[in-house]
Protein backbone atom coordinates (compact mmCIF):
# COMPACT_ATOMS: atom_id res chain seq x y z
CA UNK A 1 0.00 0.00 0.00
CA UNK A 2 1.41 3.35 -1.02
CA UNK A 3 0.80 6.95 -0.03
CA UNK A 4 0.89 8.69 3.31
CA UNK A 5 -0.79 6.27 5.73
CA UNK A 6 -3.35 7.58 8.20
CA UNK A 7 -3.78 6.43 11.76
CA UNK A 8 -5.89 3.28 11.83
CA UNK A 9 -9.17 3.24 13.75
CA UNK A 10 -9.00 -0.54 14.42
CA UNK A 11 -12.58 -1.28 13.39
CA UNK A 12 -13.75 -3.97 10.99
CA UNK A 13 -17.19 -2.58 10.09
CA UNK A 14 -17.86 0.93 8.76
CA UNK A 15 -21.43 1.91 9.63
CA UNK A 16 -23.33 4.75 11.28
CA UNK A 17 -21.95 3.80 14.70
CA UNK A 18 -18.29 3.20 13.88
CA UNK A 19 -17.84 5.88 11.24
CA UNK A 20 -17.10 8.48 13.92
CA UNK A 21 -14.44 6.31 15.58
CA UNK A 22 -12.69 6.18 12.21
CA UNK A 23 -13.13 9.90 11.66
CA UNK A 24 -11.81 10.79 15.10
CA UNK A 25 -8.80 8.52 14.74
CA UNK A 26 -7.82 9.76 11.28
CA UNK A 27 -9.23 13.28 10.71
CA UNK A 28 -8.46 13.32 6.97
CA UNK A 29 -9.91 16.83 6.47
CA UNK A 30 -7.32 18.42 8.77
CA UNK A 31 -4.62 15.83 8.07
CA UNK A 32 -3.26 14.15 4.98
CA UNK A 33 -6.57 13.37 3.28
CA UNK A 34 -5.88 9.64 3.57
CA UNK A 35 -8.67 7.38 4.84
CA UNK A 36 -7.20 4.06 5.93
CA UNK A 37 -9.83 1.32 5.69
CA UNK A 38 -7.38 -1.57 5.58
CA UNK A 39 -9.01 -3.23 8.61
CA UNK A 40 -12.54 -2.86 7.24
CA UNK A 41 -14.40 -6.00 6.15
CA UNK A 42 -17.92 -4.57 5.78
CA UNK A 43 -19.27 -1.18 4.70
CA UNK A 44 -22.98 -0.49 5.19
CA UNK A 45 -25.09 2.08 3.30
CA UNK A 46 -24.96 4.54 6.21
CA UNK A 47 -21.19 4.23 6.38
CA UNK A 48 -20.88 4.63 2.62
CA UNK A 49 -22.96 7.82 2.29
CA UNK A 50 -20.96 9.39 5.11
CA UNK A 51 -17.73 8.32 3.44
CA UNK A 52 -18.85 10.05 0.25
CA UNK A 53 -19.58 13.26 2.17
CA UNK A 54 -16.18 13.01 3.87
CA UNK A 55 -14.48 12.84 0.48
CA UNK A 56 -16.28 16.02 -0.57
CA UNK A 57 -15.39 17.70 2.74
CA UNK A 58 -11.73 17.02 1.97
CA UNK A 59 -12.21 18.40 -1.53
CA UNK A 60 -13.69 21.59 -0.06
CA UNK A 61 -10.33 22.30 1.64
CA UNK A 62 -8.32 21.40 -1.45
CA UNK A 63 -7.47 17.78 -0.68
CA UNK A 64 -8.04 14.72 -2.84
CA UNK A 65 -8.92 11.83 -0.54
CA UNK A 66 -6.93 8.63 -0.80
CA UNK A 67 -9.06 5.69 0.34
CA UNK A 68 -6.61 2.96 1.33
CA UNK A 69 -8.24 -0.46 1.32
CA UNK A 70 -6.66 -3.75 0.33
CA UNK A 71 -9.31 -6.37 1.14
CA UNK A 72 -10.41 -7.55 -2.29
CA UNK A 73 -13.95 -8.51 -1.28
CA UNK A 74 -14.56 -5.06 0.22
CA UNK A 75 -13.01 -3.38 -2.81
CA UNK A 76 -15.30 -5.39 -5.09
CA UNK A 77 -18.34 -4.49 -2.99
CA UNK A 78 -17.50 -0.78 -3.03
CA UNK A 79 -17.16 -0.97 -6.81
CA UNK A 80 -20.47 -2.86 -7.13
CA UNK A 81 -22.16 -0.46 -4.69
CA UNK A 82 -21.11 2.53 -6.77
CA UNK A 83 -18.69 4.31 -4.43
CA UNK A 84 -15.85 4.49 -6.93
CA UNK A 85 -18.04 6.02 -9.62
CA UNK A 86 -19.65 8.52 -7.23
CA UNK A 87 -16.41 9.93 -5.76
CA UNK A 88 -14.08 9.68 -8.77
CA UNK A 89 -13.74 13.48 -8.96
CA UNK A 90 -12.71 13.92 -5.32
CA UNK A 91 -11.01 10.66 -4.27
CA UNK A 92 -8.63 7.94 -5.40
CA UNK A 93 -8.13 4.40 -4.13
CA UNK A 94 -4.92 2.79 -2.93
CA UNK A 95 -4.39 0.35 -4.59
CA UNK A 96 -6.38 1.80 -7.53
CA UNK A 97 -9.77 0.24 -8.19
CA UNK A 98 -9.61 -1.74 -11.40
CA UNK A 99 -12.40 -0.49 -13.63
CA UNK A 100 -14.04 2.19 -11.51
CA UNK A 101 -17.16 1.99 -13.68
CA UNK A 102 -16.95 -1.76 -14.33
CA UNK A 103 -20.12 -2.48 -12.35
CA UNK A 104 -22.19 0.48 -13.51
CA UNK A 105 -24.02 -1.62 -16.09
CA UNK A 106 -25.48 -3.54 -13.12
CA UNK A 107 -26.83 -0.42 -11.43
CA UNK A 108 -30.48 -0.96 -10.57
CA UNK A 109 -30.46 -4.67 -11.38
CA UNK A 110 -30.60 -5.97 -7.79
CA UNK A 111 -33.81 -5.17 -5.93
CA UNK A 112 -32.05 -5.69 -2.58
CA UNK A 113 -29.45 -3.00 -3.28
CA UNK A 114 -29.60 0.69 -4.09
CA UNK A 115 -26.12 1.61 -5.15
CA UNK A 116 -24.64 4.85 -3.85
CA UNK A 117 -26.56 7.47 -5.81
CA UNK A 118 -25.94 11.18 -6.02
CA UNK A 119 -29.09 13.24 -5.56
CA UNK A 120 -28.97 16.69 -7.11
CA UNK A 121 -32.69 17.41 -7.35
CA UNK A 122 -36.07 15.90 -6.60
CA UNK A 123 -36.06 14.43 -10.10
CA UNK A 124 -33.50 11.86 -8.94
CA UNK A 125 -35.86 10.37 -6.33
CA UNK A 126 -38.87 8.60 -7.95
CA UNK A 127 -37.09 5.44 -9.13
CA UNK A 128 -35.24 5.11 -5.82
CA UNK A 129 -38.47 5.49 -3.85
CA UNK A 130 -40.24 2.95 -6.06
CA UNK A 131 -37.48 0.45 -5.29
CA UNK A 132 -37.73 1.10 -1.55
CA UNK A 133 -41.49 0.50 -1.69
CA UNK A 134 -41.02 -2.72 -3.68
CA UNK A 135 -38.45 -4.08 -1.22
CA UNK A 136 -40.58 -3.23 1.80
CA UNK A 137 -43.65 -4.91 0.32
CA UNK A 138 -42.09 -7.95 -1.35
CA UNK A 139 -39.12 -8.71 0.88
CA UNK A 140 -40.01 -7.28 4.29
CA UNK A 141 -43.79 -7.92 4.03
CA UNK A 142 -44.93 -4.38 4.77
CA UNK A 143 -48.51 -3.35 4.04
CA UNK A 144 -48.90 -1.08 1.03
CA UNK A 145 -49.74 2.04 3.05
CA UNK A 146 -46.86 1.45 5.46
CA UNK A 147 -44.38 1.02 2.62
CA UNK A 148 -45.55 4.27 1.04
CA UNK A 149 -45.27 6.03 4.41
CA UNK A 150 -41.60 5.00 4.62
CA UNK A 151 -40.93 6.18 1.07
CA UNK A 152 -42.62 9.50 1.76
CA UNK A 153 -40.49 10.09 4.85
CA UNK A 154 -37.30 9.21 2.95
CA UNK A 155 -38.37 11.55 0.16
CA UNK A 156 -38.92 14.38 2.64
CA UNK A 157 -35.50 14.06 4.25
CA UNK A 158 -33.87 13.92 0.81
CA UNK A 159 -35.84 16.96 -0.28
CA UNK A 160 -34.50 18.88 2.72
CA UNK A 161 -31.15 18.97 0.93
CA UNK A 162 -32.58 21.22 -1.77
CA UNK A 163 -35.07 23.11 0.39
CA UNK A 164 -32.50 24.32 2.92
CA UNK A 165 -29.25 24.64 0.96
CA UNK A 166 -28.12 26.41 -2.18
CA UNK A 167 -26.40 24.32 -4.86
CA UNK A 168 -26.23 21.37 -2.48
CA UNK A 169 -26.39 17.67 -3.26
CA UNK A 170 -26.65 14.48 -1.33
CA UNK A 171 -26.30 10.70 -1.49
CA UNK A 172 -28.60 7.75 -0.88
CA UNK A 173 -27.84 4.03 -0.58
CA UNK A 174 -29.75 0.97 0.60
CA UNK A 175 -28.95 -2.67 1.34
CA UNK A 176 -31.10 -5.57 2.53
CA UNK A 177 -29.46 -8.08 4.87
CA UNK A 178 -30.44 -11.46 6.32
CA UNK A 179 -33.17 -13.97 5.56
CA UNK A 180 -36.79 -14.52 6.57
CA UNK A 181 -37.79 -13.08 9.92
CA UNK A 182 -34.20 -11.89 10.46
CA UNK A 183 -34.20 -9.79 7.30
CA UNK A 184 -33.74 -6.03 7.64
CA UNK A 185 -32.82 -3.09 5.48
CA UNK A 186 -30.60 -0.11 6.08
CA UNK A 187 -31.01 3.17 4.22
CA UNK A 188 -28.33 5.83 4.40
CA UNK A 189 -28.99 9.44 3.35
CA UNK A 190 -26.40 12.20 3.58
CA UNK A 191 -25.89 15.68 2.18
CA UNK A 192 -23.09 18.19 1.81
CA UNK A 193 -25.16 21.13 2.99
CA UNK A 194 -25.02 23.60 5.88
CA UNK A 195 -26.27 21.32 8.65
CA UNK A 196 -29.30 21.53 10.92
CA UNK A 197 -28.08 24.21 13.32
CA UNK A 198 -27.28 26.76 10.62
CA UNK A 199 -30.49 26.19 8.68
CA UNK A 200 -32.74 26.33 11.76
CA UNK A 201 -31.10 29.54 12.99
CA UNK A 202 -32.35 31.27 9.84
CA UNK A 203 -35.77 31.14 11.46
CA UNK A 204 -35.96 33.81 14.21
CA UNK A 205 -37.89 31.34 16.36
CA UNK A 206 -34.80 29.12 16.51
CA UNK A 207 -31.97 31.65 16.39
CA UNK A 208 -31.01 30.76 19.98
CA UNK A 209 -29.99 27.19 19.13
CA UNK A 210 -26.62 26.79 20.84
CA UNK A 211 -25.36 23.41 19.63
CA UNK A 212 -25.67 20.76 16.95
CA UNK A 213 -27.16 18.42 19.54
CA UNK A 214 -29.92 20.91 20.35
CA UNK A 215 -30.55 21.41 16.63
CA UNK A 216 -31.02 17.68 16.07
CA UNK A 217 -33.41 17.31 19.00
CA UNK A 218 -35.44 20.31 17.92
CA UNK A 219 -35.57 19.28 14.25
CA UNK A 220 -37.16 15.98 15.28
CA UNK A 221 -40.20 17.88 16.58
CA UNK A 222 -43.23 18.34 14.34
CA UNK A 223 -43.33 21.68 12.51
CA UNK A 224 -39.78 22.79 13.35
CA UNK A 225 -38.14 24.22 10.26
CA UNK A 226 -36.17 27.10 8.85
CA UNK A 227 -39.54 28.37 7.54
CA UNK A 228 -42.41 29.87 9.53
CA UNK A 229 -44.88 27.47 7.98
CA UNK A 230 -46.76 24.86 10.04
CA UNK A 231 -46.80 22.48 7.07
CA UNK A 232 -42.99 22.36 6.96
CA UNK A 233 -40.65 20.50 9.29
CA UNK A 234 -42.39 17.14 9.01
CA UNK A 235 -39.70 14.86 7.53
CA UNK A 236 -37.61 13.88 10.54
CA UNK A 237 -40.63 13.75 12.83
CA UNK A 238 -42.42 11.35 10.47
CA UNK A 239 -39.28 9.28 10.02
CA UNK A 240 -39.04 8.75 13.78
CA UNK A 241 -42.73 7.91 14.09
CA UNK A 242 -42.35 5.30 11.36
CA UNK A 243 -39.30 3.80 13.07
CA UNK A 244 -41.17 3.58 16.37
CA UNK A 245 -44.21 1.99 14.74
CA UNK A 246 -42.24 -0.63 12.82
CA UNK A 247 -39.58 -1.46 15.42
CA UNK A 248 -36.80 0.28 13.57
CA UNK A 249 -34.04 2.67 14.49
CA UNK A 250 -32.88 6.07 13.27
CA UNK A 251 -29.63 7.94 13.69
CA UNK A 252 -29.46 11.64 12.86
CA UNK A 253 -26.02 13.22 12.57
CA UNK A 254 -25.25 16.87 11.91
CA UNK A 255 -22.15 18.94 12.51
CA UNK A 256 -20.47 17.72 15.69
CA UNK A 257 -23.34 15.71 17.19
CA UNK A 258 -25.47 12.66 16.53
CA UNK A 259 -28.57 11.22 18.19
CA UNK A 260 -29.67 7.59 18.03
CA UNK A 261 -33.37 6.75 18.38
CA UNK A 262 -34.58 3.19 19.09
CA UNK A 263 -38.04 1.70 18.74
CA UNK A 264 -38.14 0.24 22.25
CA UNK A 265 -37.58 3.58 23.97
CA UNK A 266 -39.12 6.76 22.58
CA UNK A 267 -36.09 8.89 23.30
CA UNK A 268 -32.75 9.70 21.75
CA UNK A 269 -29.21 9.14 22.96
CA UNK A 270 -26.85 11.98 22.04
CA UNK A 271 -23.13 11.79 21.30
CA UNK A 272 -20.47 14.35 20.55
CA UNK A 273 -18.67 13.42 17.32
CA UNK A 274 -16.00 14.92 15.04
CA UNK A 275 -17.41 17.70 12.88
CA UNK A 276 -18.63 16.83 9.40
CA UNK A 277 -20.58 19.11 7.09
CA UNK A 278 -24.21 18.49 6.29
CA UNK A 279 -26.76 16.05 7.68
CA UNK A 280 -26.43 12.26 7.69
CA UNK A 281 -29.29 9.89 8.49
CA UNK A 282 -29.39 6.12 8.96
CA UNK A 283 -32.69 4.22 8.97
CA UNK A 284 -33.00 0.52 9.83
CA UNK A 285 -36.27 -1.42 9.47
CA UNK A 286 -37.00 -5.05 10.28
CA UNK A 287 -38.95 -7.68 8.39
CA UNK A 288 -42.59 -8.19 9.37
CA UNK A 289 -42.54 -11.97 9.02
CA UNK A 290 -40.67 -14.96 7.62
């Protein structure tokens, strides 16, 4: 492996929980720009969308990320899942990925996978939402109305990228894991925008928000938005209600804080984390039956 190696985070799975341990250990934005994933053996959708945002955060300070990863199965998965194609302008791989676009002809061919997809406008969403509905109904045995409720909530949080930021974009990915009653899906959504605290402070009613943690907690309340409009500010609230109803979990990350919400306790657990631009959300939902 070549390049300037970063400090390893000693984790084997990159997901919404462990991503921050990696980020704290390596700090590629302030450091060399190298992201050492040589110990990683699994990358989940939530980990992947955050990794894409991290690459763009490095680019914003003039650094081209070097993603160092030598496990061939993980490299193949990241190619199949679209990471190489989505970050080619802001990152390189060490060793280089052979055929960055080699798997692109398979994009959309596996119902159980939504490859890492860049979302630049609402026009990018309908096909992705249709696939989420199909997976929930056919693979996780959700009722039609429940599946559409999930898709609507995902659409709303994706739409926030364009409603609250200028010239912003985001990423979405999904993977289904397990079999039968143990089957579950994870959806990761992330953007490169201003973050919850900055956008909420544009509304005089929320100008006193003092921290990213407070911004996350407040944004999860119904009707809380940058806009003085009671019909706005529904996305995160609805997402949490859906997770509670269907025994799922949600993690909301913004700036230097994240909050994890679990179905069995209607409350959130907050954590201080290394700063990263934008908002990153992980949603996990379980199968209804075998």
